[in-house]
Amino acid sequence: MTGTSTHYSGILVVVPPTHFDDCRRSLDDLPGVEVHHCHAESGRIVVVHESASLEEQEERLLQIRALPNVALAELVYHYLDSESADAEPVTARDPQEHGR
């Protein structure tokens, strides 16, 4: 069996407040992107992007940066959740065996 990996990225998006609603709608339309926090007065939006590959993560960040009126889109966090059906369980060693 093959394991699966999921990449999660936290991205801060900043837009002029006058274009906030349009940008929010555009972000909602992007596959794998979920808006988690909005502050319309400052034009800040926090999104999480979920995908199966790092390449998709990079591509989506570039797409967000290319949206109309986006002043800033920066990766602030990345997490790789990998799960493998082939992996053997990890067990703790007996502390008394340490050093042997």
PDB file of N, CA and C in Angstrom:
ATOM      1  N   MET A   1       0.837  -1.193   0.000  1.00  0.00           N
ATOM      2  CA  MET A   1       0.000   0.000   0.000  1.00  0.00           C
ATOM      3  C   MET A   1       0.876   1.248   0.000  1.00  0.00           C
ATOM      4  N   THR A   2       0.360   2.283  -0.562  1.00  0.00           N
ATOM      5  CA  THR A   2       1.093   3.532  -0.633  1.00  0.00           C
ATOM      6  C   THR A   2       0.527   4.510   0.383  1.00  0.00           C
ATOM      7  N   GLY A   3       1.402   5.251   1.037  1.00  0.00           N
ATOM      8  CA  GLY A   3       0.962   6.244   2.001  1.00  0.00           C
ATOM      9  C   GLY A   3       0.437   7.483   1.310  1.00  0.00           C
ATOM     10  N   THR A   4      -0.188   8.328   2.079  1.00  0.00           N
ATOM     11  CA  THR A   4      -0.699   9.579   1.526  1.00  0.00           C
ATOM     12  C   THR A   4      -0.064  10.740   2.266  1.00  0.00           C
ATOM     13  N   SER A   5       0.061  11.840   1.579  1.00  0.00           N
ATOM     14  CA  SER A   5       0.585  13.063   2.169  1.00  0.00           C
ATOM     15  C   SER A   5      -0.363  14.198   1.858  1.00  0.00           C
ATOM     16  N   THR A   6      -0.539  15.058   2.830  1.00  0.00           N
ATOM     17  CA  THR A   6      -1.343  16.253   2.625  1.00  0.00           C
ATOM     18  C   THR A   6      -0.537  17.450   3.099  1.00  0.00           C
ATOM     19  N   HIS A   7      -0.432  18.448   2.238  1.00  0.00           N
ATOM     20  CA  HIS A   7       0.262  19.690   2.559  1.00  0.00           C
ATOM     21  C   HIS A   7      -0.780  20.733   2.966  1.00  0.00           C
ATOM     22  N   TYR A   8      -0.481  21.441   4.049  1.00  0.00           N
ATOM     23  CA  TYR A   8      -1.329  22.542   4.502  1.00  0.00           C
ATOM     24  C   TYR A   8      -0.467  23.798   4.555  1.00  0.00           C
ATOM     25  N   SER A   9      -0.958  24.876   3.974  1.00  0.00           N
ATOM     26  CA  SER A   9      -0.250  26.151   4.017  1.00  0.00           C
ATOM     27  C   SER A   9      -1.161  27.231   4.568  1.00  0.00           C
ATOM     28  N   GLY A  10      -0.630  28.008   5.484  1.00  0.00           N
ATOM     29  CA  GLY A  10      -1.307  29.197   5.972  1.00  0.00           C
ATOM     30  C   GLY A  10      -0.768  30.385   5.201  1.00  0.00           C
ATOM     31  N   ILE A  11      -1.656  31.143   4.595  1.00  0.00           N
ATOM     32  CA  ILE A  11      -1.250  32.254   3.729  1.00  0.00           C
ATOM     33  C   ILE A  11      -1.954  33.531   4.175  1.00  0.00           C
ATOM     34  N   LEU A  12      -1.174  34.590   4.340  1.00  0.00           N
ATOM     35  CA  LEU A  12      -1.724  35.909   4.636  1.00  0.00           C
ATOM     36  C   LEU A  12      -1.868  36.656   3.325  1.00  0.00           C
ATOM     37  N   VAL A  13      -3.080  37.148   3.071  1.00  0.00           N
ATOM     38  CA  VAL A  13      -3.373  37.919   1.865  1.00  0.00           C
ATOM     39  C   VAL A  13      -3.779  39.323   2.303  1.00  0.00           C
ATOM     40  N   VAL A  14      -3.196  40.317   1.667  1.00  0.00           N
ATOM     41  CA  VAL A  14      -3.534  41.712   1.977  1.00  0.00           C
ATOM     42  C   VAL A  14      -3.996  42.392   0.691  1.00  0.00           C
ATOM     43  N   VAL A  15      -5.151  43.048   0.778  1.00  0.00           N
ATOM     44  CA  VAL A  15      -5.719  43.786  -0.353  1.00  0.00           C
ATOM     45  C   VAL A  15      -6.185  45.152   0.134  1.00  0.00           C
ATOM     46  N   PRO A  16      -6.295  46.122  -0.755  1.00  0.00           N
ATOM     47  CA  PRO A  16      -6.885  47.397  -0.343  1.00  0.00           C
ATOM     48  C   PRO A  16      -8.314  47.150   0.135  1.00  0.00           C
ATOM     49  N   PRO A  17      -8.712  47.750   1.239  1.00  0.00           N
ATOM     50  CA  PRO A  17     -10.066  47.527   1.763  1.00  0.00           C
ATOM     51  C   PRO A  17     -11.172  47.763   0.737  1.00  0.00           C
ATOM     52  N   THR A  18     -10.938  48.629  -0.232  1.00  0.00           N
ATOM     53  CA  THR A  18     -11.964  48.896  -1.243  1.00  0.00           C
ATOM     54  C   THR A  18     -12.184  47.704  -2.176  1.00  0.00           C
ATOM     55  N   HIS A  19     -11.245  46.754  -2.211  1.00  0.00           N
ATOM     56  CA  HIS A  19     -11.358  45.576  -3.071  1.00  0.00           C
ATOM     57  C   HIS A  19     -11.501  44.285  -2.272  1.00  0.00           C
ATOM     58  N   PHE A  20     -11.779  44.439  -0.990  1.00  0.00           N
ATOM     59  CA  PHE A  20     -11.818  43.290  -0.084  1.00  0.00           C
ATOM     60  C   PHE A  20     -12.846  42.237  -0.506  1.00  0.00           C
ATOM     61  N   ASP A  21     -14.067  42.653  -0.745  1.00  0.00           N
ATOM     62  CA  ASP A  21     -15.135  41.697  -1.062  1.00  0.00           C
ATOM     63  C   ASP A  21     -14.862  40.933  -2.360  1.00  0.00           C
ATOM     64  N   ASP A  22     -14.351  41.625  -3.369  1.00  0.00           N
ATOM     65  CA  ASP A  22     -14.033  40.963  -4.637  1.00  0.00           C
ATOM     66  C   ASP A  22     -12.943  39.910  -4.446  1.00  0.00           C
ATOM     67  N   CYS A  23     -11.923  40.261  -3.685  1.00  0.00           N
ATOM     68  CA  CYS A  23     -10.823  39.328  -3.450  1.00  0.00           C
ATOM     69  C   CYS A  23     -11.308  38.125  -2.638  1.00  0.00           C
ATOM     70  N   ARG A  24     -12.139  38.383  -1.653  1.00  0.00           N
ATOM     71  CA  ARG A  24     -12.684  37.286  -0.832  1.00  0.00           C
ATOM     72  C   ARG A  24     -13.438  36.291  -1.715  1.00  0.00           C
ATOM     73  N   ARG A  25     -14.237  36.786  -2.635  1.00  0.00           N
ATOM     74  CA  ARG A  25     -14.968  35.900  -3.548  1.00  0.00           C
ATOM     75  C   ARG A  25     -14.016  35.111  -4.445  1.00  0.00           C
ATOM     76  N   SER A  26     -12.982  35.775  -4.926  1.00  0.00           N
ATOM     77  CA  SER A  26     -11.998  35.094  -5.775  1.00  0.00           C
ATOM     78  C   SER A  26     -11.279  33.985  -5.008  1.00  0.00           C
ATOM     79  N   LEU A  27     -10.940  34.241  -3.762  1.00  0.00           N
ATOM     80  CA  LEU A  27     -10.278  33.224  -2.940  1.00  0.00           C
ATOM     81  C   LEU A  27     -11.205  32.042  -2.691  1.00  0.00           C
ATOM     82  N   ASP A  28     -12.475  32.324  -2.453  1.00  0.00           N
ATOM     83  CA  ASP A  28     -13.455  31.256  -2.221  1.00  0.00           C
ATOM     84  C   ASP A  28     -13.595  30.333  -3.435  1.00  0.00           C
ATOM     85  N   ASP A  29     -13.307  30.849  -4.625  1.00  0.00           N
ATOM     86  CA  ASP A  29     -13.445  30.070  -5.854  1.00  0.00           C
ATOM     87  C   ASP A  29     -12.236  29.180  -6.161  1.00  0.00           C
ATOM     88  N   LEU A  30     -11.128  29.373  -5.454  1.00  0.00           N
ATOM     89  CA  LEU A  30      -9.924  28.591  -5.735  1.00  0.00           C
ATOM     90  C   LEU A  30     -10.010  27.216  -5.080  1.00  0.00           C
ATOM     91  N   PRO A  31      -9.728  26.161  -5.821  1.00  0.00           N
ATOM     92  CA  PRO A  31      -9.776  24.801  -5.267  1.00  0.00           C
ATOM     93  C   PRO A  31      -8.777  24.613  -4.132  1.00  0.00           C
ATOM     94  N   GLY A  32      -9.244  23.999  -3.050  1.00  0.00           N
ATOM     95  CA  GLY A  32      -8.375  23.693  -1.920  1.00  0.00           C
ATOM     96  C   GLY A  32      -8.119  24.848  -0.982  1.00  0.00           C
ATOM     97  N   VAL A  33      -8.677  26.024  -1.283  1.00  0.00           N
ATOM     98  CA  VAL A  33      -8.447  27.210  -0.451  1.00  0.00           C
ATOM     99  C   VAL A  33      -9.674  27.460   0.425  1.00  0.00           C
ATOM    100  N   GLU A  34      -9.413  27.666   1.711  1.00  0.00           N
ATOM    101  CA  GLU A  34     -10.492  27.974   2.649  1.00  0.00           C
ATOM    102  C   GLU A  34     -10.131  29.240   3.414  1.00  0.00           C
ATOM    103  N   VAL A  35     -11.034  30.207   3.393  1.00  0.00           N
ATOM    104  CA  VAL A  35     -10.828  31.459   4.128  1.00  0.00           C
ATOM    105  C   VAL A  35     -11.154  31.200   5.596  1.00  0.00           C
ATOM    106  N   HIS A  36     -10.201  31.527   6.472  1.00  0.00           N
ATOM    107  CA  HIS A  36     -10.388  31.280   7.902  1.00  0.00           C
ATOM    108  C   HIS A  36     -10.605  32.535   8.718  1.00  0.00           C
ATOM    109  N   HIS A  37     -10.053  33.644   8.277  1.00  0.00           N
ATOM    110  CA  HIS A  37     -10.209  34.877   9.052  1.00  0.00           C
ATOM    111  C   HIS A  37     -10.158  36.068   8.097  1.00  0.00           C
ATOM    112  N   CYS A  38     -11.015  37.030   8.362  1.00  0.00           N
ATOM    113  CA  CYS A  38     -11.057  38.247   7.548  1.00  0.00           C
ATOM    114  C   CYS A  38     -11.096  39.475   8.448  1.00  0.00           C
ATOM    115  N   HIS A  39     -10.401  40.509   8.033  1.00  0.00           N
ATOM    116  CA  HIS A  39     -10.472  41.810   8.693  1.00  0.00           C
ATOM    117  C   HIS A  39     -10.570  42.853   7.588  1.00  0.00           C
ATOM    118  N   ALA A  40     -11.812  43.167   7.230  1.00  0.00           N
ATOM    119  CA  ALA A  40     -12.074  44.029   6.078  1.00  0.00           C
ATOM    120  C   ALA A  40     -11.450  45.415   6.217  1.00  0.00           C
ATOM    121  N   GLU A  41     -11.433  45.956   7.427  1.00  0.00           N
ATOM    122  CA  GLU A  41     -10.910  47.312   7.619  1.00  0.00           C
ATOM    123  C   GLU A  41      -9.429  47.418   7.271  1.00  0.00           C
ATOM    124  N   SER A  42      -8.659  46.356   7.539  1.00  0.00           N
ATOM    125  CA  SER A  42      -7.231  46.379   7.217  1.00  0.00           C
ATOM    126  C   SER A  42      -6.930  45.674   5.896  1.00  0.00           C
ATOM    127  N   GLY A  43      -7.932  45.004   5.322  1.00  0.00           N
ATOM    128  CA  GLY A  43      -7.741  44.288   4.069  1.00  0.00           C
ATOM    129  C   GLY A  43      -6.988  42.982   4.225  1.00  0.00           C
ATOM    130  N   ARG A  44      -6.983  42.428   5.426  1.00  0.00           N
ATOM    131  CA  ARG A  44      -6.230  41.193   5.676  1.00  0.00           C
ATOM    132  C   ARG A  44      -7.151  39.974   5.675  1.00  0.00           C
ATOM    133  N   ILE A  45      -6.660  38.940   5.005  1.00  0.00           N
ATOM    134  CA  ILE A  45      -7.402  37.684   4.913  1.00  0.00           C
ATOM    135  C   ILE A  45      -6.417  36.553   5.190  1.00  0.00           C
ATOM    136  N   VAL A  46      -6.800  35.624   6.050  1.00  0.00           N
ATOM    137  CA  VAL A  46      -5.976  34.453   6.323  1.00  0.00           C
ATOM    138  C   VAL A  46      -6.661  33.250   5.692  1.00  0.00           C
ATOM    139  N   VAL A  47      -5.912  32.545   4.838  1.00  0.00           N
ATOM    140  CA  VAL A  47      -6.456  31.366   4.181  1.00  0.00           C
ATOM    141  C   VAL A  47      -5.583  30.160   4.486  1.00  0.00           C
ATOM    142  N   VAL A  48      -6.200  28.989   4.387  1.00  0.00           N
ATOM    143  CA  VAL A  48      -5.463  27.732   4.456  1.00  0.00           C
ATOM    144  C   VAL A  48      -5.670  27.024   3.132  1.00  0.00           C
ATOM    145  N   HIS A  49      -4.560  26.573   2.565  1.00  0.00           N
ATOM    146  CA  HIS A  49      -4.631  25.806   1.324  1.00  0.00           C
ATOM    147  C   HIS A  49      -4.211  24.379   1.621  1.00  0.00           C
ATOM    148  N   GLU A  50      -5.015  23.435   1.174  1.00  0.00           N
ATOM    149  CA  GLU A  50      -4.752  22.014   1.365  1.00  0.00           C
ATOM    150  C   GLU A  50      -4.572  21.359   0.007  1.00  0.00           C
ATOM    151  N   SER A  51      -3.489  20.576  -0.140  1.00  0.00           N
ATOM    152  CA  SER A  51      -3.250  19.882  -1.403  1.00  0.00           C
ATOM    153  C   SER A  51      -2.421  18.626  -1.171  1.00  0.00           C
ATOM    154  N   ALA A  52      -2.286  17.840  -2.237  1.00  0.00           N
ATOM    155  CA  ALA A  52      -1.550  16.579  -2.157  1.00  0.00           C
ATOM    156  C   ALA A  52      -0.062  16.729  -2.465  1.00  0.00           C
ATOM    157  N   SER A  53       0.353  17.887  -2.995  1.00  0.00           N
ATOM    158  CA  SER A  53       1.764  18.017  -3.358  1.00  0.00           C
ATOM    159  C   SER A  53       2.282  19.433  -3.081  1.00  0.00           C
ATOM    160  N   LEU A  54       3.591  19.505  -2.930  1.00  0.00           N
ATOM    161  CA  LEU A  54       4.238  20.793  -2.734  1.00  0.00           C
ATOM    162  C   LEU A  54       4.116  21.652  -3.992  1.00  0.00           C
ATOM    163  N   GLU A  55       4.142  21.005  -5.144  1.00  0.00           N
ATOM    164  CA  GLU A  55       4.001  21.743  -6.399  1.00  0.00           C
ATOM    165  C   GLU A  55       2.654  22.456  -6.465  1.00  0.00           C
ATOM    166  N   GLU A  56       1.592  21.770  -6.031  1.00  0.00           N
ATOM    167  CA  GLU A  56       0.269  22.410  -5.996  1.00  0.00           C
ATOM    168  C   GLU A  56       0.263  23.588  -5.032  1.00  0.00           C
ATOM    169  N   GLN A  57       0.969  23.447  -3.909  1.00  0.00           N
ATOM    170  CA  GLN A  57       1.051  24.539  -2.940  1.00  0.00           C
ATOM    171  C   GLN A  57       1.689  25.765  -3.584  1.00  0.00           C
ATOM    172  N   GLU A  58       2.803  25.546  -4.266  1.00  0.00           N
ATOM    173  CA  GLU A  58       3.513  26.650  -4.906  1.00  0.00           C
ATOM    174  C   GLU A  58       2.658  27.297  -5.991  1.00  0.00           C
ATOM    175  N   GLU A  59       1.999  26.461  -6.799  1.00  0.00           N
ATOM    176  CA  GLU A  59       1.156  26.972  -7.885  1.00  0.00           C
ATOM    177  C   GLU A  59       0.001  27.820  -7.340  1.00  0.00           C
ATOM    178  N   ARG A  60      -0.635  27.341  -6.277  1.00  0.00           N
ATOM    179  CA  ARG A  60      -1.775  28.072  -5.722  1.00  0.00           C
ATOM    180  C   ARG A  60      -1.329  29.402  -5.113  1.00  0.00           C
ATOM    181  N   LEU A  61      -0.181  29.436  -4.456  1.00  0.00           N
ATOM    182  CA  LEU A  61       0.321  30.698  -3.910  1.00  0.00           C
ATOM    183  C   LEU A  61       0.559  31.702  -5.033  1.00  0.00           C
ATOM    184  N   LEU A  62       1.126  31.231  -6.138  1.00  0.00           N
ATOM    185  CA  LEU A  62       1.326  32.121  -7.285  1.00  0.00           C
ATOM    186  C   LEU A  62      -0.004  32.609  -7.849  1.00  0.00           C
ATOM    187  N   GLN A  63      -1.017  31.742  -7.875  1.00  0.00           N
ATOM    188  CA  GLN A  63      -2.349  32.153  -8.344  1.00  0.00           C
ATOM    189  C   GLN A  63      -2.944  33.212  -7.432  1.00  0.00           C
ATOM    190  N   ILE A  64      -2.781  33.046  -6.137  1.00  0.00           N
ATOM    191  CA  ILE A  64      -3.312  34.037  -5.186  1.00  0.00           C
ATOM    192  C   ILE A  64      -2.608  35.373  -5.387  1.00  0.00           C
ATOM    193  N   ARG A  65      -1.292  35.328  -5.535  1.00  0.00           N
ATOM    194  CA  ARG A  65      -0.537  36.571  -5.764  1.00  0.00           C
ATOM    195  C   ARG A  65      -0.969  37.274  -7.048  1.00  0.00           C
ATOM    196  N   ALA A  66      -1.431  36.504  -8.027  1.00  0.00           N
ATOM    197  CA  ALA A  66      -1.820  37.077  -9.323  1.00  0.00           C
ATOM    198  C   ALA A  66      -3.265  37.578  -9.357  1.00  0.00           C
ATOM    199  N   LEU A  67      -4.027  37.356  -8.287  1.00  0.00           N
ATOM    200  CA  LEU A  67      -5.410  37.845  -8.270  1.00  0.00           C
ATOM    201  C   LEU A  67      -5.418  39.366  -8.351  1.00  0.00           C
ATOM    202  N   PRO A  68      -6.426  39.934  -9.013  1.00  0.00           N
ATOM    203  CA  PRO A  68      -6.498  41.393  -9.119  1.00  0.00           C
ATOM    204  C   PRO A  68      -6.510  42.058  -7.745  1.00  0.00           C
ATOM    205  N   ASN A  69      -5.729  43.120  -7.616  1.00  0.00           N
ATOM    206  CA  ASN A  69      -5.669  43.974  -6.429  1.00  0.00           C
ATOM    207  C   ASN A  69      -5.013  43.342  -5.203  1.00  0.00           C
ATOM    208  N   VAL A  70      -4.408  42.172  -5.336  1.00  0.00           N
ATOM    209  CA  VAL A  70      -3.691  41.591  -4.193  1.00  0.00           C
ATOM    210  C   VAL A  70      -2.372  42.337  -4.037  1.00  0.00           C
ATOM    211  N   ALA A  71      -2.212  42.972  -2.878  1.00  0.00           N
ATOM    212  CA  ALA A  71      -0.988  43.718  -2.600  1.00  0.00           C
ATOM    213  C   ALA A  71       0.100  42.806  -2.047  1.00  0.00           C
ATOM    214  N   LEU A  72      -0.324  41.754  -1.331  1.00  0.00           N
ATOM    215  CA  LEU A  72       0.625  40.856  -0.689  1.00  0.00           C
ATOM    216  C   LEU A  72      -0.040  39.503  -0.475  1.00  0.00           C
ATOM    217  N   ALA A  73       0.700  38.458  -0.729  1.00  0.00           N
ATOM    218  CA  ALA A  73       0.257  37.099  -0.401  1.00  0.00           C
ATOM    219  C   ALA A  73       1.508  36.342   0.010  1.00  0.00           C
ATOM    220  N   GLU A  74       1.616  36.032   1.294  1.00  0.00           N
ATOM    221  CA  GLU A  74       2.831  35.404   1.811  1.00  0.00           C
ATOM    222  C   GLU A  74       2.511  34.137   2.578  1.00  0.00           C
ATOM    223  N   LEU A  75       3.338  33.139   2.347  1.00  0.00           N
ATOM    224  CA  LEU A  75       3.259  31.899   3.093  1.00  0.00           C
ATOM    225  C   LEU A  75       3.766  32.170   4.503  1.00  0.00           C
ATOM    226  N   VAL A  76       2.948  31.870   5.502  1.00  0.00           N
ATOM    227  CA  VAL A  76       3.384  32.075   6.882  1.00  0.00           C
ATOM    228  C   VAL A  76       3.537  30.764   7.642  1.00  0.00           C
ATOM    229  N   TYR A  77       3.009  29.680   7.055  1.00  0.00           N
ATOM    230  CA  TYR A  77       3.111  28.388   7.735  1.00  0.00           C
ATOM    231  C   TYR A  77       2.909  27.273   6.729  1.00  0.00           C
ATOM    232  N   HIS A  78       3.684  26.217   6.856  1.00  0.00           N
ATOM    233  CA  HIS A  78       3.498  25.029   6.030  1.00  0.00           C
ATOM    234  C   HIS A  78       3.608  23.805   6.922  1.00  0.00           C
ATOM    235  N   TYR A  79       2.710  22.853   6.713  1.00  0.00           N
ATOM    236  CA  TYR A  79       2.720  21.610   7.486  1.00  0.00           C
ATOM    237  C   TYR A  79       2.492  20.449   6.533  1.00  0.00           C
ATOM    238  N   LEU A  80       3.301  19.409   6.664  1.00  0.00           N
ATOM    239  CA  LEU A  80       3.138  18.196   5.872  1.00  0.00           C
ATOM    240  C   LEU A  80       2.641  17.098   6.792  1.00  0.00           C
ATOM    241  N   ASP A  81       1.467  16.604   6.485  1.00  0.00           N
ATOM    242  CA  ASP A  81       0.880  15.504   7.238  1.00  0.00           C
ATOM    243  C   ASP A  81       1.030  14.262   6.381  1.00  0.00           C
ATOM    244  N   SER A  82       1.946  13.392   6.752  1.00  0.00           N
ATOM    245  CA  SER A  82       2.142  12.180   5.961  1.00  0.00           C
ATOM    246  C   SER A  82       1.752  10.966   6.787  1.00  0.00           C
ATOM    247  N   GLU A  83       1.082  10.069   6.114  1.00  0.00           N
ATOM    248  CA  GLU A  83       0.580   8.871   6.761  1.00  0.00           C
ATOM    249  C   GLU A  83       0.908   7.716   5.831  1.00  0.00           C
ATOM    250  N   SER A  84       1.551   6.708   6.344  1.00  0.00           N
ATOM    251  CA  SER A  84       1.921   5.594   5.492  1.00  0.00           C
ATOM    252  C   SER A  84       1.391   4.293   6.057  1.00  0.00           C
ATOM    253  N   ALA A  85       0.687   3.562   5.220  1.00  0.00           N
ATOM    254  CA  ALA A  85       0.157   2.274   5.649  1.00  0.00           C
ATOM    255  C   ALA A  85       1.279   1.257   5.793  1.00  0.00           C
ATOM    256  N   ASP A  86       2.434   1.520   5.159  1.00  0.00           N
ATOM    257  CA  ASP A  86       3.561   0.593   5.229  1.00  0.00           C
ATOM    258  C   ASP A  86       4.425   0.803   6.469  1.00  0.00           C
ATOM    259  N   ALA A  87       4.225   1.896   7.144  1.00  0.00           N
ATOM    260  CA  ALA A  87       5.088   2.207   8.283  1.00  0.00           C
ATOM    261  C   ALA A  87       4.801   1.282   9.451  1.00  0.00           C
ATOM    262  N   GLU A  88       5.875   0.913  10.126  1.00  0.00           N
ATOM    263  CA  GLU A  88       5.714   0.105  11.321  1.00  0.00           C
ATOM    264  C   GLU A  88       5.478   1.044  12.492  1.00  0.00           C
ATOM    265  N   PRO A  89       4.715   0.581  13.489  1.00  0.00           N
ATOM    266  CA  PRO A  89       4.472   1.447  14.632  1.00  0.00           C
ATOM    267  C   PRO A  89       5.762   1.750  15.383  1.00  0.00           C
ATOM    268  N   VAL A  90       5.841   2.948  15.896  1.00  0.00           N
ATOM    269  CA  VAL A  90       7.001   3.356  16.677  1.00  0.00           C
ATOM    270  C   VAL A  90       6.704   3.063  18.135  1.00  0.00           C
ATOM    271  N   THR A  91       7.641   2.417  18.803  1.00  0.00           N
ATOM    272  CA  THR A  91       7.459   2.113  20.221  1.00  0.00           C
ATOM    273  C   THR A  91       8.580   2.759  21.012  1.00  0.00           C
ATOM    274  N   ALA A  92       8.283   3.112  22.223  1.00  0.00           N
ATOM    275  CA  ALA A  92       9.273   3.732  23.089  1.00  0.00           C
ATOM    276  C   ALA A  92      10.267   2.688  23.572  1.00  0.00           C
ATOM    277  N   ARG A  93      11.534   3.077  23.659  1.00  0.00           N
ATOM    278  CA  ARG A  93      12.557   2.192  24.194  1.00  0.00           C
ATOM    279  C   ARG A  93      12.538   2.224  25.703  1.00  0.00           C
ATOM    280  N   ASP A  94      12.953   1.149  26.288  1.00  0.00           N
ATOM    281  CA  ASP A  94      13.090   1.084  27.741  1.00  0.00           C
ATOM    282  C   ASP A  94      14.217   2.035  28.145  1.00  0.00           C
ATOM    283  N   PRO A  95      13.948   3.008  29.030  1.00  0.00           N
ATOM    284  CA  PRO A  95      14.977   3.978  29.405  1.00  0.00           C
ATOM    285  C   PRO A  95      16.212   3.309  29.993  1.00  0.00           C
ATOM    286  N   GLN A  96      16.076   2.147  30.579  1.00  0.00           N
ATOM    287  CA  GLN A  96      17.218   1.455  31.162  1.00  0.00           C
ATOM    288  C   GLN A  96      18.123   0.861  30.092  1.00  0.00           C
ATOM    289  N   GLU A  97      17.609   0.724  28.855  1.00  0.00           N
ATOM    290  CA  GLU A  97      18.427   0.207  27.759  1.00  0.00           C
ATOM    291  C   GLU A  97      19.219   1.312  27.083  1.00  0.00           C
ATOM    292  N   HIS A  98      18.975   2.553  27.457  1.00  0.00           N
ATOM    293  CA  HIS A  98      19.659   3.705  26.841  1.00  0.00           C
ATOM    294  C   HIS A  98      21.172   3.549  27.018  1.00  0.00           C
ATOM    295  N   GLY A  99      21.885   3.683  25.935  1.00  0.00           N
ATOM    296  CA  GLY A  99      23.329   3.612  26.005  1.00  0.00           C
ATOM    297  C   GLY A  99      23.888   2.243  25.745  1.00  0.00           C
ATOM    298  N   ARG A 100      23.069   1.243  25.582  1.00  0.00           N
ATOM    299  CA  ARG A 100      23.576  -0.113  25.317  1.00  0.00           C
ATOM    300  C   ARG A 100      23.749  -0.333  23.860  1.00  0.00           C
TER     301      ARG A 100
END
